[in-house]
PDB file of N, CA and C in Angstrom:
ATOM      1  N   MET A   1      18.966  38.598  17.231  1.00  0.00           N
ATOM      2  CA  MET A   1      19.191  38.515  15.759  1.00  0.00           C
ATOM      3  C   MET A   1      18.075  37.563  15.194  1.00  0.00           C
ATOM      4  N   ARG A   2      17.529  37.893  14.161  1.00  0.00           N
ATOM      5  CA  ARG A   2      16.488  37.089  13.564  1.00  0.00           C
ATOM      6  C   ARG A   2      17.060  35.896  12.915  1.00  0.00           C
ATOM      7  N   ARG A   3      16.336  34.814  12.883  1.00  0.00           N
ATOM      8  CA  ARG A   3      16.840  33.566  12.328  1.00  0.00           C
ATOM      9  C   ARG A   3      17.192  33.697  10.864  1.00  0.00           C
ATOM     10  N   GLN A   4      16.391  34.331  10.044  1.00  0.00           N
ATOM     11  CA  GLN A   4      16.751  34.487   8.617  1.00  0.00           C
ATOM     12  C   GLN A   4      18.020  35.266   8.419  1.00  0.00           C
ATOM     13  N   THR A   5      18.311  36.305   9.284  1.00  0.00           N
ATOM     14  CA  THR A   5      19.557  37.041   9.161  1.00  0.00           C
ATOM     15  C   THR A   5      20.699  36.086   9.408  1.00  0.00           C
ATOM     16  N   LEU A   6      20.660  35.298  10.398  1.00  0.00           N
ATOM     17  CA  LEU A   6      21.685  34.303  10.761  1.00  0.00           C
ATOM     18  C   LEU A   6      21.881  33.317   9.534  1.00  0.00           C
ATOM     19  N   ILE A   7      20.849  32.803   8.987  1.00  0.00           N
ATOM     20  CA  ILE A   7      20.902  31.891   7.883  1.00  0.00           C
ATOM     21  C   ILE A   7      21.604  32.601   6.706  1.00  0.00           C
ATOM     22  N   ASN A   8      21.246  33.867   6.425  1.00  0.00           N
ATOM     23  CA  ASN A   8      21.820  34.560   5.286  1.00  0.00           C
ATOM     24  C   ASN A   8      23.322  34.773   5.549  1.00  0.00           C
ATOM     25  N   LEU A   9      23.724  35.068   6.805  1.00  0.00           N
ATOM     26  CA  LEU A   9      25.176  35.286   7.055  1.00  0.00           C
ATOM     27  C   LEU A   9      25.866  33.993   6.858  1.00  0.00           C
ATOM     28  N   ARG A  10      25.325  32.900   7.359  1.00  0.00           N
ATOM     29  CA  ARG A  10      26.005  31.600   7.158  1.00  0.00           C
ATOM     30  C   ARG A  10      26.137  31.178   5.686  1.00  0.00           C
ATOM     31  N   ASN A  11      25.109  31.415   4.886  1.00  0.00           N
ATOM     32  CA  ASN A  11      25.181  31.161   3.440  1.00  0.00           C
ATOM     33  C   ASN A  11      26.169  32.066   2.774  1.00  0.00           C
ATOM     34  N   ALA A  12      26.340  33.306   3.158  1.00  0.00           N
ATOM     35  CA  ALA A  12      27.351  34.209   2.564  1.00  0.00           C
ATOM     36  C   ALA A  12      28.773  33.719   2.957  1.00  0.00           C
ATOM     37  N   LEU A  13      28.898  33.237   4.162  1.00  0.00           N
ATOM     38  CA  LEU A  13      30.182  32.654   4.664  1.00  0.00           C
ATOM     39  C   LEU A  13      30.531  31.449   3.809  1.00  0.00           C
ATOM     40  N   ARG A  14      29.605  30.530   3.584  1.00  0.00           N
ATOM     41  CA  ARG A  14      29.883  29.366   2.772  1.00  0.00           C
ATOM     42  C   ARG A  14      30.251  29.744   1.333  1.00  0.00           C
ATOM     43  N   LEU A  15      29.649  30.756   0.764  1.00  0.00           N
ATOM     44  CA  LEU A  15      29.971  31.183  -0.637  1.00  0.00           C
ATOM     45  C   LEU A  15      31.391  31.771  -0.645  1.00  0.00           C
ATOM     46  N   ALA A  16      31.711  32.578   0.439  1.00  0.00           N
ATOM     47  CA  ALA A  16      33.002  33.148   0.500  1.00  0.00           C
ATOM     48  C   ALA A  16      34.106  32.026   0.696  1.00  0.00           C
ATOM     49  N   GLU A  17      33.808  31.006   1.485  1.00  0.00           N
ATOM     50  CA  GLU A  17      34.775  29.895   1.650  1.00  0.00           C
ATOM     51  C   GLU A  17      34.977  29.168   0.316  1.00  0.00           C
ATOM     52  N   VAL A  18      33.989  28.956  -0.445  1.00  0.00           N
ATOM     53  CA  VAL A  18      34.144  28.373  -1.793  1.00  0.00           C
ATOM     54  C   VAL A  18      34.998  29.277  -2.674  1.00  0.00           C
ATOM     55  N   ASP A  19      34.713  30.541  -2.634  1.00  0.00           N
ATOM     56  CA  ASP A  19      35.357  31.495  -3.478  1.00  0.00           C
ATOM     57  C   ASP A  19      36.907  31.573  -3.158  1.00  0.00           C
ATOM     58  N   ILE A  20      37.292  31.467  -1.928  1.00  0.00           N
ATOM     59  CA  ILE A  20      38.755  31.556  -1.519  1.00  0.00           C
ATOM     60  C   ILE A  20      39.405  30.178  -1.472  1.00  0.00           C
ATOM     61  N   GLY A  21      38.563  29.145  -1.653  1.00  0.00           N
ATOM     62  CA  GLY A  21      39.179  27.789  -1.757  1.00  0.00           C
ATOM     63  C   GLY A  21      39.342  27.067  -0.438  1.00  0.00           C
ATOM     64  N   ILE A  22      38.664  27.390   0.569  1.00  0.00           N
ATOM     65  CA  ILE A  22      38.748  26.683   1.893  1.00  0.00           C
ATOM     66  C   ILE A  22      37.535  25.844   2.228  1.00  0.00           C
ATOM     67  N   SER A  23      36.654  25.716   1.282  1.00  0.00           N
ATOM     68  CA  SER A  23      35.382  24.990   1.593  1.00  0.00           C
ATOM     69  C   SER A  23      35.589  23.484   1.854  1.00  0.00           C
ATOM     70  N   ASP A  24      36.686  22.928   1.310  1.00  0.00           N
ATOM     71  CA  ASP A  24      36.984  21.491   1.587  1.00  0.00           C
ATOM     72  C   ASP A  24      37.735  21.170   2.860  1.00  0.00           C
ATOM     73  N   LEU A  25      38.161  22.269   3.551  1.00  0.00           N
ATOM     74  CA  LEU A  25      38.879  22.071   4.894  1.00  0.00           C
ATOM     75  C   LEU A  25      37.862  21.575   5.898  1.00  0.00           C
ATOM     76  N   SER A  26      38.387  20.852   6.845  1.00  0.00           N
ATOM     77  CA  SER A  26      37.532  20.368   7.988  1.00  0.00           C
ATOM     78  C   SER A  26      37.148  21.596   8.818  1.00  0.00           C
ATOM     79  N   ALA A  27      36.210  21.480   9.642  1.00  0.00           N
ATOM     80  CA  ALA A  27      35.741  22.558  10.567  1.00  0.00           C
ATOM     81  C   ALA A  27      36.909  23.107  11.389  1.00  0.00           C
ATOM     82  N   SER A  28      37.724  22.217  11.968  1.00  0.00           N
ATOM     83  CA  SER A  28      38.834  22.649  12.775  1.00  0.00           C
ATOM     84  C   SER A  28      39.958  23.281  11.948  1.00  0.00           C
ATOM     85  N   GLU A  29      40.132  22.821  10.749  1.00  0.00           N
ATOM     86  CA  GLU A  29      41.102  23.492   9.906  1.00  0.00           C
ATOM     87  C   GLU A  29      40.697  24.890   9.519  1.00  0.00           C
ATOM     88  N   LYS A  30      39.417  25.063   9.264  1.00  0.00           N
ATOM     89  CA  LYS A  30      38.888  26.376   8.889  1.00  0.00           C
ATOM     90  C   LYS A  30      39.038  27.393  10.013  1.00  0.00           C
ATOM     91  N   GLU A  31      38.669  26.925  11.277  1.00  0.00           N
ATOM     92  CA  GLU A  31      38.761  27.779  12.477  1.00  0.00           C
ATOM     93  C   GLU A  31      40.227  28.181  12.656  1.00  0.00           C
ATOM     94  N   PHE A  32      41.118  27.242  12.504  1.00  0.00           N
ATOM     95  CA  PHE A  32      42.570  27.472  12.655  1.00  0.00           C
ATOM     96  C   PHE A  32      43.048  28.494  11.604  1.00  0.00           C
ATOM     97  N   PHE A  33      42.583  28.298  10.364  1.00  0.00           N
ATOM     98  CA  PHE A  33      42.924  29.245   9.279  1.00  0.00           C
ATOM     99  C   PHE A  33      42.372  30.602   9.553  1.00  0.00           C
ATOM    100  N   TYR A  34      41.191  30.694  10.096  1.00  0.00           N
ATOM    101  CA  TYR A  34      40.671  32.060  10.381  1.00  0.00           C
ATOM    102  C   TYR A  34      41.521  32.726  11.466  1.00  0.00           C
ATOM    103  N   ASP A  35      42.013  31.982  12.416  1.00  0.00           N
ATOM    104  CA  ASP A  35      42.964  32.584  13.352  1.00  0.00           C
ATOM    105  C   ASP A  35      44.248  33.053  12.679  1.00  0.00           C
ATOM    106  N   ILE A  36      44.705  32.301  11.715  1.00  0.00           N
ATOM    107  CA  ILE A  36      45.931  32.729  11.018  1.00  0.00           C
ATOM    108  C   ILE A  36      45.637  34.020  10.277  1.00  0.00           C
ATOM    109  N   LEU A  37      44.521  34.110   9.511  1.00  0.00           N
ATOM    110  CA  LEU A  37      44.227  35.333   8.850  1.00  0.00           C
ATOM    111  C   LEU A  37      44.065  36.555   9.795  1.00  0.00           C
ATOM    112  N   GLN A  38      43.635  36.270  10.985  1.00  0.00           N
ATOM    113  CA  GLN A  38      43.398  37.364  12.024  1.00  0.00           C
ATOM    114  C   GLN A  38      44.777  37.927  12.444  1.00  0.00           C
ATOM    115  N   VAL A  39      45.812  37.148  12.491  1.00  0.00           N
ATOM    116  CA  VAL A  39      47.119  37.647  12.928  1.00  0.00           C
ATOM    117  C   VAL A  39      48.084  37.981  11.869  1.00  0.00           C
ATOM    118  N   ALA A  40      47.847  37.534  10.652  1.00  0.00           N
ATOM    119  CA  ALA A  40      48.751  37.774   9.546  1.00  0.00           C
ATOM    120  C   ALA A  40      48.898  39.226   9.255  1.00  0.00           C
ATOM    121  N   THR A  41      50.147  39.711   8.978  1.00  0.00           N
ATOM    122  CA  THR A  41      50.419  41.069   8.719  1.00  0.00           C
ATOM    123  C   THR A  41      49.891  41.427   7.202  1.00  0.00           C
ATOM    124  N   GLU A  42      50.093  42.651   6.833  1.00  0.00           N
ATOM    125  CA  GLU A  42      49.754  42.990   5.428  1.00  0.00           C
ATOM    126  C   GLU A  42      50.659  42.218   4.414  1.00  0.00           C
ATOM    127  N   ASP A  43      51.821  41.772   4.869  1.00  0.00           N
ATOM    128  CA  ASP A  43      52.642  40.996   4.009  1.00  0.00           C
ATOM    129  C   ASP A  43      52.342  39.483   4.164  1.00  0.00           C
ATOM    130  N   ASP A  44      51.223  39.138   4.851  1.00  0.00           N
ATOM    131  CA  ASP A  44      50.719  37.804   4.989  1.00  0.00           C
ATOM    132  C   ASP A  44      51.622  36.988   5.886  1.00  0.00           C
ATOM    133  N   GLU A  45      52.479  37.546   6.747  1.00  0.00           N
ATOM    134  CA  GLU A  45      53.363  36.780   7.614  1.00  0.00           C
ATOM    135  C   GLU A  45      52.780  36.725   9.072  1.00  0.00           C
ATOM    136  N   PHE A  46      53.101  35.614   9.679  1.00  0.00           N
ATOM    137  CA  PHE A  46      52.738  35.481  11.097  1.00  0.00           C
ATOM    138  C   PHE A  46      53.686  34.474  11.748  1.00  0.00           C
ATOM    139  N   THR A  47      53.682  34.593  13.046  1.00  0.00           N
ATOM    140  CA  THR A  47      54.575  33.624  13.814  1.00  0.00           C
ATOM    141  C   THR A  47      53.604  32.678  14.601  1.00  0.00           C
ATOM    142  N   SER A  48      54.190  31.548  14.954  1.00  0.00           N
ATOM    143  CA  SER A  48      53.420  30.628  15.776  1.00  0.00           C
ATOM    144  C   SER A  48      53.039  31.166  17.178  1.00  0.00           C
ATOM    145  N   ASP A  49      53.940  32.083  17.712  1.00  0.00           N
ATOM    146  CA  ASP A  49      53.572  32.748  18.941  1.00  0.00           C
ATOM    147  C   ASP A  49      52.393  33.619  18.863  1.00  0.00           C
ATOM    148  N   GLN A  50      52.260  34.326  17.724  1.00  0.00           N
ATOM    149  CA  GLN A  50      51.073  35.193  17.448  1.00  0.00           C
ATOM    150  C   GLN A  50      49.795  34.322  17.419  1.00  0.00           C
ATOM    151  N   LEU A  51      49.950  33.241  16.654  1.00  0.00           N
ATOM    152  CA  LEU A  51      48.821  32.322  16.376  1.00  0.00           C
ATOM    153  C   LEU A  51      48.333  31.667  17.666  1.00  0.00           C
ATOM    154  N   ARG A  52      49.245  31.317  18.555  1.00  0.00           N
ATOM    155  CA  ARG A  52      48.897  30.712  19.825  1.00  0.00           C
ATOM    156  C   ARG A  52      48.054  31.620  20.713  1.00  0.00           C
ATOM    157  N   GLU A  53      48.107  32.910  20.501  1.00  0.00           N
ATOM    158  CA  GLU A  53      47.332  33.853  21.317  1.00  0.00           C
ATOM    159  C   GLU A  53      45.865  33.955  20.773  1.00  0.00           C
ATOM    160  N   CYS A  54      45.506  33.488  19.676  1.00  0.00           N
ATOM    161  CA  CYS A  54      44.141  33.605  19.039  1.00  0.00           C
ATOM    162  C   CYS A  54      43.176  32.771  19.827  1.00  0.00           C
ATOM    163  N   PRO A  55      41.897  33.167  19.764  1.00  0.00           N
ATOM    164  CA  PRO A  55      40.845  32.446  20.563  1.00  0.00           C
ATOM    165  C   PRO A  55      40.790  30.926  20.305  1.00  0.00           C
ATOM    166  N   TYR A  56      40.685  30.507  19.038  1.00  0.00           N
ATOM    167  CA  TYR A  56      40.527  29.078  18.764  1.00  0.00           C
ATOM    168  C   TYR A  56      41.861  28.362  19.047  1.00  0.00           C
ATOM    169  N   SER A  57      42.986  28.951  18.488  1.00  0.00           N
ATOM    170  CA  SER A  57      44.202  28.221  18.594  1.00  0.00           C
ATOM    171  C   SER A  57      44.696  28.091  20.121  1.00  0.00           C
ATOM    172  N   SER A  58      44.384  29.027  20.874  1.00  0.00           N
ATOM    173  CA  SER A  58      44.877  29.004  22.205  1.00  0.00           C
ATOM    174  C   SER A  58      44.143  27.912  23.014  1.00  0.00           C
ATOM    175  N   SER A  59      42.981  27.424  22.629  1.00  0.00           N
ATOM    176  CA  SER A  59      42.229  26.366  23.265  1.00  0.00           C
ATOM    177  C   SER A  59      42.669  24.980  22.829  1.00  0.00           C
ATOM    178  N   LEU A  60      43.527  24.905  21.897  1.00  0.00           N
ATOM    179  CA  LEU A  60      43.881  23.531  21.333  1.00  0.00           C
ATOM    180  C   LEU A  60      45.017  22.907  22.220  1.00  0.00           C
ATOM    181  N   ALA A  61      44.987  21.655  22.235  1.00  0.00           N
ATOM    182  CA  ALA A  61      46.136  20.846  22.851  1.00  0.00           C
ATOM    183  C   ALA A  61      47.357  21.040  21.953  1.00  0.00           C
ATOM    184  N   HIS A  62      48.501  20.970  22.553  1.00  0.00           N
ATOM    185  CA  HIS A  62      49.752  21.175  21.838  1.00  0.00           C
ATOM    186  C   HIS A  62      49.804  20.370  20.527  1.00  0.00           C
ATOM    187  N   ALA A  63      49.551  19.060  20.660  1.00  0.00           N
ATOM    188  CA  ALA A  63      49.643  18.111  19.492  1.00  0.00           C
ATOM    189  C   ALA A  63      48.592  18.490  18.434  1.00  0.00           C
ATOM    190  N   THR A  64      47.426  18.823  18.847  1.00  0.00           N
ATOM    191  CA  THR A  64      46.332  19.208  17.872  1.00  0.00           C
ATOM    192  C   THR A  64      46.738  20.541  17.123  1.00  0.00           C
ATOM    193  N   TYR A  65      47.287  21.436  17.853  1.00  0.00           N
ATOM    194  CA  TYR A  65      47.797  22.763  17.226  1.00  0.00           C
ATOM    195  C   TYR A  65      48.781  22.399  16.132  1.00  0.00           C
ATOM    196  N   HIS A  66      49.768  21.650  16.475  1.00  0.00           N
ATOM    197  CA  HIS A  66      50.860  21.249  15.449  1.00  0.00           C
ATOM    198  C   HIS A  66      50.297  20.422  14.373  1.00  0.00           C
ATOM    199  N   ARG A  67      49.330  19.586  14.624  1.00  0.00           N
ATOM    200  CA  ARG A  67      48.720  18.731  13.545  1.00  0.00           C
ATOM    201  C   ARG A  67      48.008  19.590  12.600  1.00  0.00           C
ATOM    202  N   LEU A  68      47.259  20.633  13.059  1.00  0.00           N
ATOM    203  CA  LEU A  68      46.547  21.528  12.150  1.00  0.00           C
ATOM    204  C   LEU A  68      47.558  22.390  11.352  1.00  0.00           C
ATOM    205  N   LEU A  69      48.588  22.886  12.034  1.00  0.00           N
ATOM    206  CA  LEU A  69      49.590  23.600  11.299  1.00  0.00           C
ATOM    207  C   LEU A  69      50.201  22.805  10.212  1.00  0.00           C
ATOM    208  N   THR A  70      50.561  21.548  10.483  1.00  0.00           N
ATOM    209  CA  THR A  70      51.152  20.630   9.452  1.00  0.00           C
ATOM    210  C   THR A  70      50.153  20.375   8.326  1.00  0.00           C
ATOM    211  N   ARG A  71      48.963  20.217   8.705  1.00  0.00           N
ATOM    212  CA  ARG A  71      47.868  19.990   7.595  1.00  0.00           C
ATOM    213  C   ARG A  71      47.819  21.183   6.609  1.00  0.00           C
ATOM    214  N   LEU A  72      47.762  22.368   7.168  1.00  0.00           N
ATOM    215  CA  LEU A  72      47.649  23.565   6.360  1.00  0.00           C
ATOM    216  C   LEU A  72      48.962  23.827   5.558  1.00  0.00           C
ATOM    217  N   LEU A  73      50.110  23.439   6.075  1.00  0.00           N
ATOM    218  CA  LEU A  73      51.383  23.447   5.352  1.00  0.00           C
ATOM    219  C   LEU A  73      51.269  22.473   4.203  1.00  0.00           C
ATOM    220  N   SER A  74      50.948  21.286   4.392  1.00  0.00           N
ATOM    221  CA  SER A  74      50.858  20.283   3.382  1.00  0.00           C
ATOM    222  C   SER A  74      49.801  20.497   2.323  1.00  0.00           C
ATOM    223  N   LYS A  75      48.813  21.247   2.690  1.00  0.00           N
ATOM    224  CA  LYS A  75      47.705  21.565   1.715  1.00  0.00           C
ATOM    225  C   LYS A  75      48.042  22.876   0.897  1.00  0.00           C
ATOM    226  N   GLY A  76      49.141  23.523   1.368  1.00  0.00           N
ATOM    227  CA  GLY A  76      49.557  24.679   0.560  1.00  0.00           C
ATOM    228  C   GLY A  76      48.893  26.047   0.970  1.00  0.00           C
ATOM    229  N   PHE A  77      48.164  26.029   2.089  1.00  0.00           N
ATOM    230  CA  PHE A  77      47.553  27.300   2.463  1.00  0.00           C
ATOM    231  C   PHE A  77      48.514  28.264   3.187  1.00  0.00           C
ATOM    232  N   ILE A  78      49.510  27.592   3.771  1.00  0.00           N
ATOM    233  CA  ILE A  78      50.644  28.436   4.420  1.00  0.00           C
ATOM    234  C   ILE A  78      51.908  27.776   4.045  1.00  0.00           C
ATOM    235  N   GLN A  79      52.986  28.604   4.210  1.00  0.00           N
ATOM    236  CA  GLN A  79      54.346  28.130   3.957  1.00  0.00           C
ATOM    237  C   GLN A  79      55.230  28.681   5.050  1.00  0.00           C
ATOM    238  N   LYS A  80      56.390  27.999   5.266  1.00  0.00           N
ATOM    239  CA  LYS A  80      57.398  28.528   6.187  1.00  0.00           C
ATOM    240  C   LYS A  80      58.144  29.604   5.453  1.00  0.00           C
ATOM    241  N   SER A  81      58.426  30.665   6.166  1.00  0.00           N
ATOM    242  CA  SER A  81      59.244  31.797   5.594  1.00  0.00           C
ATOM    243  C   SER A  81      60.661  31.438   5.458  1.00  0.00           C
ATOM    244  N   ALA A  82      61.247  31.552   4.298  1.00  0.00           N
ATOM    245  CA  ALA A  82      62.594  31.251   4.058  1.00  0.00           C
ATOM    246  C   ALA A  82      63.525  32.329   4.659  1.00  0.00           C
ATOM    247  N   GLY A  83      64.616  31.891   5.275  1.00  0.00           N
ATOM    248  CA  GLY A  83      65.548  32.794   5.847  1.00  0.00           C
ATOM    249  C   GLY A  83      65.101  33.583   7.049  1.00  0.00           C
ATOM    250  N   ARG A  84      63.968  33.155   7.654  1.00  0.00           N
ATOM    251  CA  ARG A  84      63.454  33.804   8.849  1.00  0.00           C
ATOM    252  C   ARG A  84      63.540  32.806  10.023  1.00  0.00           C
ATOM    253  N   GLU A  85      63.141  33.282  11.225  1.00  0.00           N
ATOM    254  CA  GLU A  85      63.170  32.400  12.373  1.00  0.00           C
ATOM    255  C   GLU A  85      62.329  31.135  12.157  1.00  0.00           C
ATOM    256  N   ARG A  86      62.550  30.219  12.908  1.00  0.00           N
ATOM    257  CA  ARG A  86      61.977  28.873  12.672  1.00  0.00           C
ATOM    258  C   ARG A  86      60.435  28.855  12.846  1.00  0.00           C
ATOM    259  N   ASN A  87      59.827  29.730  13.536  1.00  0.00           N
ATOM    260  CA  ASN A  87      58.360  29.734  13.699  1.00  0.00           C
ATOM    261  C   ASN A  87      57.695  30.789  12.920  1.00  0.00           C
ATOM    262  N   CYS A  88      58.274  31.168  11.831  1.00  0.00           N
ATOM    263  CA  CYS A  88      57.730  32.278  10.997  1.00  0.00           C
ATOM    264  C   CYS A  88      57.116  31.680   9.649  1.00  0.00           C
ATOM    265  N   TYR A  89      55.912  32.036   9.414  1.00  0.00           N
ATOM    266  CA  TYR A  89      55.148  31.467   8.277  1.00  0.00           C
ATOM    267  C   TYR A  89      54.527  32.629   7.473  1.00  0.00           C
ATOM    268  N   PHE A  90      53.938  32.198   6.305  1.00  0.00           N
ATOM    269  CA  PHE A  90      53.176  33.168   5.549  1.00  0.00           C
ATOM    270  C   PHE A  90      52.032  32.551   4.913  1.00  0.00           C
ATOM    271  N   VAL A  91      50.926  33.293   4.702  1.00  0.00           N
ATOM    272  CA  VAL A  91      49.794  32.775   3.918  1.00  0.00           C
ATOM    273  C   VAL A  91      50.133  32.833   2.487  1.00  0.00           C
ATOM    274  N   THR A  92      49.896  31.750   1.731  1.00  0.00           N
ATOM    275  CA  THR A  92      50.223  31.651   0.367  1.00  0.00           C
ATOM    276  C   THR A  92      49.331  32.605  -0.466  1.00  0.00           C
ATOM    277  N   SER A  93      49.716  32.819  -1.681  1.00  0.00           N
ATOM    278  CA  SER A  93      48.962  33.730  -2.584  1.00  0.00           C
ATOM    279  C   SER A  93      47.573  33.230  -2.913  1.00  0.00           C
ATOM    280  N   ARG A  94      47.191  31.956  -2.484  1.00  0.00           N
ATOM    281  CA  ARG A  94      45.882  31.486  -2.660  1.00  0.00           C
ATOM    282  C   ARG A  94      44.872  32.426  -2.133  1.00  0.00           C
ATOM    283  N   ILE A  95      45.181  32.993  -0.964  1.00  0.00           N
ATOM    284  CA  ILE A  95      44.215  33.934  -0.268  1.00  0.00           C
ATOM    285  C   ILE A  95      44.792  35.326  -0.364  1.00  0.00           C
ATOM    286  N   GLN A  96      43.998  36.251  -0.996  1.00  0.00           N
ATOM    287  CA  GLN A  96      44.481  37.559  -1.176  1.00  0.00           C
ATOM    288  C   GLN A  96      43.911  38.411  -0.053  1.00  0.00           C
ATOM    289  N   SER A  97      44.807  39.271   0.570  1.00  0.00           N
ATOM    290  CA  SER A  97      44.312  40.177   1.554  1.00  0.00           C
ATOM    291  C   SER A  97      43.694  41.411   0.857  1.00  0.00           C
ATOM    292  N   VAL A  98      42.745  42.010   1.509  1.00  0.00           N
ATOM    293  CA  VAL A  98      42.042  43.131   0.878  1.00  0.00           C
ATOM    294  C   VAL A  98      42.803  44.401   1.304  1.00  0.00           C
TER     295      VAL A  98
END
Protein backbone atom coordinates (compact mmCIF):
# COMPACT_ATOMS: atom_id res chain seq x y z
CA MET A 1 0.00 0.00 0.00
CA ARG A 2 1.33 3.39 -0.86
CA ARG A 3 2.16 5.81 1.92
CA GLN A 4 -0.26 8.51 0.68
CA THR A 5 -3.14 6.01 0.59
CA LEU A 6 -2.44 5.07 4.19
CA ILE A 7 -2.31 8.74 5.24
CA ASN A 8 -5.59 9.43 3.44
CA LEU A 9 -7.27 6.50 5.19
CA ARG A 10 -6.03 7.68 8.59
CA ASN A 11 -7.27 11.22 7.92
CA ALA A 12 -10.68 9.87 6.89
CA LEU A 13 -10.82 7.83 10.09
CA ARG A 14 -10.01 10.90 12.18
CA LEU A 15 -12.79 12.87 10.48
CA ALA A 16 -15.25 10.03 11.06
CA GLU A 17 -14.25 9.84 14.74
CA VAL A 18 -14.94 13.56 15.13
CA ASP A 19 -18.25 13.17 13.30
CA ILE A 20 -19.52 10.38 15.59
CA GLY A 21 -18.11 11.97 18.73
CA ILE A 22 -15.34 9.59 19.75
CA SER A 23 -12.31 11.73 18.90
CA ASP A 24 -11.75 12.66 22.57
CA LEU A 25 -11.56 9.04 23.72
CA SER A 26 -8.15 7.59 24.52
CA ALA A 27 -6.61 5.18 22.01
CA SER A 28 -7.52 2.18 24.19
CA GLU A 29 -11.09 3.43 24.66
CA LYS A 30 -11.46 3.81 20.88
CA GLU A 31 -10.15 0.31 20.19
CA PHE A 32 -12.49 -1.09 22.82
CA PHE A 33 -15.41 0.85 21.34
CA TYR A 34 -14.61 -0.45 17.85
CA ASP A 35 -14.84 -3.99 19.25
CA ILE A 36 -18.24 -3.10 20.72
CA LEU A 37 -19.46 -1.82 17.36
CA GLN A 38 -18.21 -5.03 15.74
CA VAL A 39 -20.37 -7.29 17.94
CA ALA A 40 -23.41 -5.07 18.48
CA THR A 41 -26.61 -6.32 16.85
CA GLU A 42 -28.86 -4.24 14.60
CA ASP A 43 -30.64 -3.23 17.82
CA ASP A 44 -27.25 -2.05 19.13
CA GLU A 45 -27.18 -4.69 21.88
CA PHE A 46 -24.19 -6.77 22.92
CA THR A 47 -23.07 -8.93 25.81
CA SER A 48 -19.77 -8.89 27.61
CA ASP A 49 -19.24 -12.50 26.52
CA GLN A 50 -19.44 -11.44 22.86
CA LEU A 51 -17.14 -8.51 23.49
CA ARG A 52 -14.55 -10.68 25.23
CA GLU A 53 -14.15 -12.66 21.96
CA CYS A 54 -13.08 -9.61 19.91
CA PRO A 55 -9.45 -9.15 18.88
CA TYR A 56 -8.56 -6.15 21.04
CA SER A 57 -10.78 -6.96 24.02
CA SER A 58 -9.59 -10.54 24.27
CA SER A 59 -6.00 -9.35 24.72
CA LEU A 60 -6.83 -7.16 27.73
CA ALA A 61 -6.24 -8.05 31.34
CA HIS A 62 -9.46 -8.60 33.29
CA ALA A 63 -9.11 -5.35 35.28
CA THR A 64 -8.32 -3.29 32.17
CA TYR A 65 -11.31 -4.75 30.33
CA HIS A 66 -13.68 -3.76 33.15
CA ARG A 67 -12.06 -0.35 33.55
CA LEU A 68 -12.67 0.42 29.85
CA LEU A 69 -16.23 -0.87 30.07
CA THR A 70 -16.85 1.38 33.10
CA ARG A 71 -15.33 4.39 31.34
CA LEU A 72 -17.55 4.00 28.29
CA LEU A 73 -20.58 3.55 30.56
CA SER A 74 -19.75 6.72 32.50
CA LYS A 75 -19.14 8.70 29.31
CA GLY A 76 -22.51 7.63 27.92
CA PHE A 77 -21.35 5.67 24.88
CA ILE A 78 -22.98 2.49 26.18
CA GLN A 79 -25.63 1.65 28.77
CA LYS A 80 -26.73 -1.43 30.62
CA SER A 81 -29.87 -2.98 29.16
CA ALA A 82 -32.78 -2.69 31.56
CA GLY A 83 -34.58 -5.91 32.43
CA ARG A 84 -31.99 -8.07 30.71
CA GLU A 85 -29.25 -10.32 31.98
CA ARG A 86 -26.54 -8.62 34.00
CA ASN A 87 -23.93 -8.58 31.22
CA CYS A 88 -26.13 -7.13 28.49
CA TYR A 89 -25.48 -3.63 27.18
CA PHE A 90 -26.42 -1.41 24.26
CA VAL A 91 -24.74 1.33 22.26
CA THR A 92 -26.46 4.64 22.97
CA SER A 93 -28.16 6.64 20.25
CA ARG A 94 -25.02 8.78 20.02
CA ILE A 95 -23.75 6.35 17.40
CA GLN A 96 -26.16 5.48 14.63
CA SER A 97 -25.80 2.15 12.87
CA VAL A 98 -26.07 2.22 9.10
